[in-house]
Amino acid sequence: MTFDMSQPIAFSLEEASLVRAAEWQQLIQALMAETDTFLIASMRDGDGDEIPVKNDAPAITLLLIAEQGEQSLPVGIGSIENEEIGVAILKQFHGAGLGQDLMRALLDWAKFNGLSKVWLDVQIDNDIAVHIYQKYGFLSIGEKEHFTLPNGRDTELQRMILEL
């Protein structure tokens, strides 16, 4: 299903659940086709040399739902797990402030649930994302980390943290 971008589209957020599991999987596949962010995360987290640090902090995954007529589909996703925050939205919906809405909802949830901080890794050449994170008060920490992706693209990640 596709949306008619010339017609109004309503957006809402809902907590991810099994009710939309198939749609959620399709969204992840579409996002993976648009960006290598998920590939970077798997390389960062999956080298096998280090056991990921887990904590008892609460976690959430929110879906950004687009609705038009009878269509109702997730077009973005945001999550917090182990204090790491992440946001991804299909490219056709960039530039409408939806990423900021999703980020604001995640930060509100984190504060409400007693998290003292959240963090993320951002590609340093993603100027729009870096700007948005700085707007929310995220600060760069540590050294940049260089990756050469399986597709041959070189990228650098910067860790950013926000004290809540």
Protein backbone atom coordinates (compact mmCIF):
# COMPACT_ATOMS: atom_id res chain seq x y z
CA MET A 1 0.00 0.00 0.00
CA THR A 2 1.14 3.48 -0.77
CA PHE A 3 -0.06 6.82 0.42
CA ASP A 4 -1.22 9.64 -1.81
CA MET A 5 1.18 12.38 -0.72
CA SER A 6 -1.09 15.03 -2.28
CA GLN A 7 -3.88 14.17 0.19
CA PRO A 8 -3.96 14.69 3.98
CA ILE A 9 -2.39 11.99 6.11
CA ALA A 10 -3.00 11.70 9.86
CA PHE A 11 -0.21 10.49 12.12
CA SER A 12 -0.30 8.92 15.56
CA LEU A 13 2.00 6.97 17.85
CA GLU A 14 1.27 3.60 19.35
CA GLU A 15 3.27 1.15 21.38
CA ALA A 16 4.49 -1.73 19.22
CA SER A 17 2.59 -4.95 19.80
CA LEU A 18 1.97 -8.29 18.20
CA VAL A 19 -1.21 -6.88 16.63
CA ARG A 20 0.96 -5.11 14.04
CA ALA A 21 3.85 -7.59 13.99
CA ALA A 22 3.68 -8.28 10.23
CA GLU A 23 3.43 -4.56 9.40
CA TRP A 24 6.26 -3.82 11.82
CA GLN A 25 8.47 -6.39 10.05
CA GLN A 26 7.63 -4.86 6.67
CA LEU A 27 8.57 -1.42 8.01
CA ILE A 28 11.94 -2.71 9.25
CA GLN A 29 12.60 -4.29 5.83
CA ALA A 30 11.70 -1.03 4.05
CA LEU A 31 13.91 1.00 6.40
CA MET A 32 16.80 -1.43 5.85
CA ALA A 33 16.42 -0.91 2.09
CA GLU A 34 16.59 2.89 2.53
CA THR A 35 19.45 3.20 4.99
CA ASP A 36 22.41 1.27 6.33
CA THR A 37 21.74 2.43 9.90
CA PHE A 38 20.51 -1.02 10.93
CA LEU A 39 23.60 -2.59 9.34
CA ILE A 40 25.83 -0.25 11.31
CA ALA A 41 24.05 -1.15 14.56
CA SER A 42 24.49 -4.86 13.90
CA MET A 43 28.20 -4.37 13.15
CA ARG A 44 28.63 -2.25 16.27
CA ASP A 45 26.77 -4.69 18.49
CA GLY A 46 27.51 -8.01 16.86
CA ASP A 47 31.27 -8.40 16.67
CA GLY A 48 31.11 -11.21 19.21
CA ASP A 49 34.06 -9.89 21.21
CA GLU A 50 31.98 -8.13 23.78
CA ILE A 51 28.85 -9.15 25.64
CA PRO A 52 26.37 -6.27 25.42
CA VAL A 53 25.71 -4.60 28.73
CA LYS A 54 22.13 -5.15 29.80
CA ASN A 55 20.39 -3.36 32.60
CA ASP A 56 17.01 -3.42 34.24
CA ALA A 57 15.94 -0.08 32.79
CA PRO A 58 12.48 -0.02 31.23
CA ALA A 59 12.23 -0.34 27.44
CA ILE A 60 9.70 0.71 24.82
CA THR A 61 9.17 0.61 21.07
CA LEU A 62 6.79 3.09 19.47
CA LEU A 63 5.40 2.93 15.95
CA LEU A 64 4.61 6.07 13.95
CA ILE A 65 1.32 5.26 12.24
CA ALA A 66 0.17 6.98 9.06
CA GLU A 67 -3.55 6.91 8.30
CA GLN A 68 -5.27 7.87 5.10
CA GLY A 69 -8.74 6.61 4.20
CA GLU A 70 -8.78 2.90 5.02
CA GLN A 71 -4.99 2.65 5.16
CA SER A 72 -3.25 2.53 8.52
CA LEU A 73 0.42 1.54 8.44
CA PRO A 74 3.57 2.10 10.47
CA VAL A 75 5.95 4.45 8.66
CA GLY A 76 8.44 5.03 11.47
CA ILE A 77 9.79 3.46 14.61
CA GLY A 78 11.39 4.71 17.79
CA SER A 79 12.76 2.78 20.72
CA ILE A 80 14.60 2.95 23.99
CA GLU A 81 16.40 -0.14 25.26
CA ASN A 82 19.30 -0.22 27.72
CA GLU A 83 19.05 3.59 27.69
CA GLU A 84 19.87 3.65 23.94
CA ILE A 85 17.40 5.68 21.92
CA GLY A 86 16.78 5.19 18.22
CA VAL A 87 14.48 6.72 15.64
CA ALA A 88 13.92 5.78 11.98
CA ILE A 89 11.28 7.07 9.56
CA LEU A 90 10.68 6.16 5.93
CA LYS A 91 12.27 8.76 3.65
CA GLN A 92 9.00 9.81 2.01
CA PHE A 93 7.93 11.17 5.41
CA HIS A 94 11.14 13.09 6.20
CA GLY A 95 10.97 16.83 6.69
CA ALA A 96 7.53 16.98 8.28
CA GLY A 97 8.71 17.12 11.90
CA LEU A 98 7.63 13.54 12.57
CA GLY A 99 11.09 12.49 13.78
CA GLN A 100 11.02 15.32 16.29
CA ASP A 101 7.54 14.28 17.47
CA LEU A 102 8.73 10.71 17.90
CA MET A 103 11.89 11.85 19.73
CA ARG A 104 9.84 14.08 22.04
CA ALA A 105 7.49 11.18 22.88
CA LEU A 106 10.43 8.88 23.64
CA LEU A 107 12.13 11.47 25.86
CA ASP A 108 8.87 12.15 27.71
CA TRP A 109 8.48 8.40 28.25
CA ALA A 110 12.09 8.09 29.48
CA LYS A 111 11.61 10.87 32.02
CA PHE A 112 8.27 9.47 33.19
CA ASN A 113 9.88 6.05 33.66
CA GLY A 114 12.78 7.41 35.71
CA LEU A 115 15.67 7.10 33.28
CA SER A 116 18.52 9.43 34.20
CA LYS A 117 20.02 9.51 30.71
CA VAL A 118 19.65 8.24 27.15
CA TRP A 119 22.31 7.85 24.50
CA LEU A 120 22.69 7.13 20.80
CA ASP A 121 25.27 6.73 18.09
CA VAL A 122 24.87 9.00 15.06
CA GLN A 123 26.66 9.01 11.73
CA ILE A 124 28.65 12.23 11.75
CA ASP A 125 27.74 12.96 8.13
CA ASN A 126 24.02 12.90 8.99
CA ASP A 127 23.85 16.66 9.58
CA ILE A 128 20.06 16.74 10.00
CA ALA A 129 20.08 14.07 12.74
CA VAL A 130 23.05 15.65 14.52
CA HIS A 131 21.25 19.01 14.47
CA ILE A 132 18.03 17.52 15.86
CA TYR A 133 19.88 15.68 18.64
CA GLN A 134 21.80 18.83 19.59
CA LYS A 135 18.50 20.74 19.62
CA TYR A 136 17.27 18.33 22.30
CA GLY A 137 20.46 18.81 24.33
CA PHE A 138 22.41 15.70 23.37
CA LEU A 139 26.17 16.19 23.78
CA SER A 140 28.94 14.36 21.93
CA ILE A 141 31.13 12.17 24.13
CA GLY A 142 34.17 10.01 23.46
CA GLU A 143 36.01 9.43 20.23
CA LYS A 144 34.42 8.91 16.83
CA GLU A 145 34.33 5.29 15.72
CA HIS A 146 35.16 4.38 12.10
CA PHE A 147 33.41 1.57 10.21
CA THR A 148 33.81 0.18 6.72
CA LEU A 149 30.48 -1.41 5.87
CA PRO A 150 30.10 -4.62 3.84
CA ASN A 151 28.86 -2.46 0.95
CA GLY A 152 32.25 -0.66 1.01
CA ARG A 153 30.97 2.62 2.40
CA ASP A 154 33.05 4.25 5.11
CA THR A 155 31.30 6.01 7.96
CA GLU A 156 32.05 7.41 11.38
CA LEU A 157 29.81 7.25 14.43
CA GLN A 158 29.72 9.71 17.29
CA ARG A 159 28.23 8.76 20.65
CA MET A 160 25.86 11.38 22.04
CA ILE A 161 24.26 11.45 25.48
CA LEU A 162 21.42 13.36 27.07
CA GLU A 163 21.13 13.69 30.83
CA LEU A 164 17.45 13.78 31.76
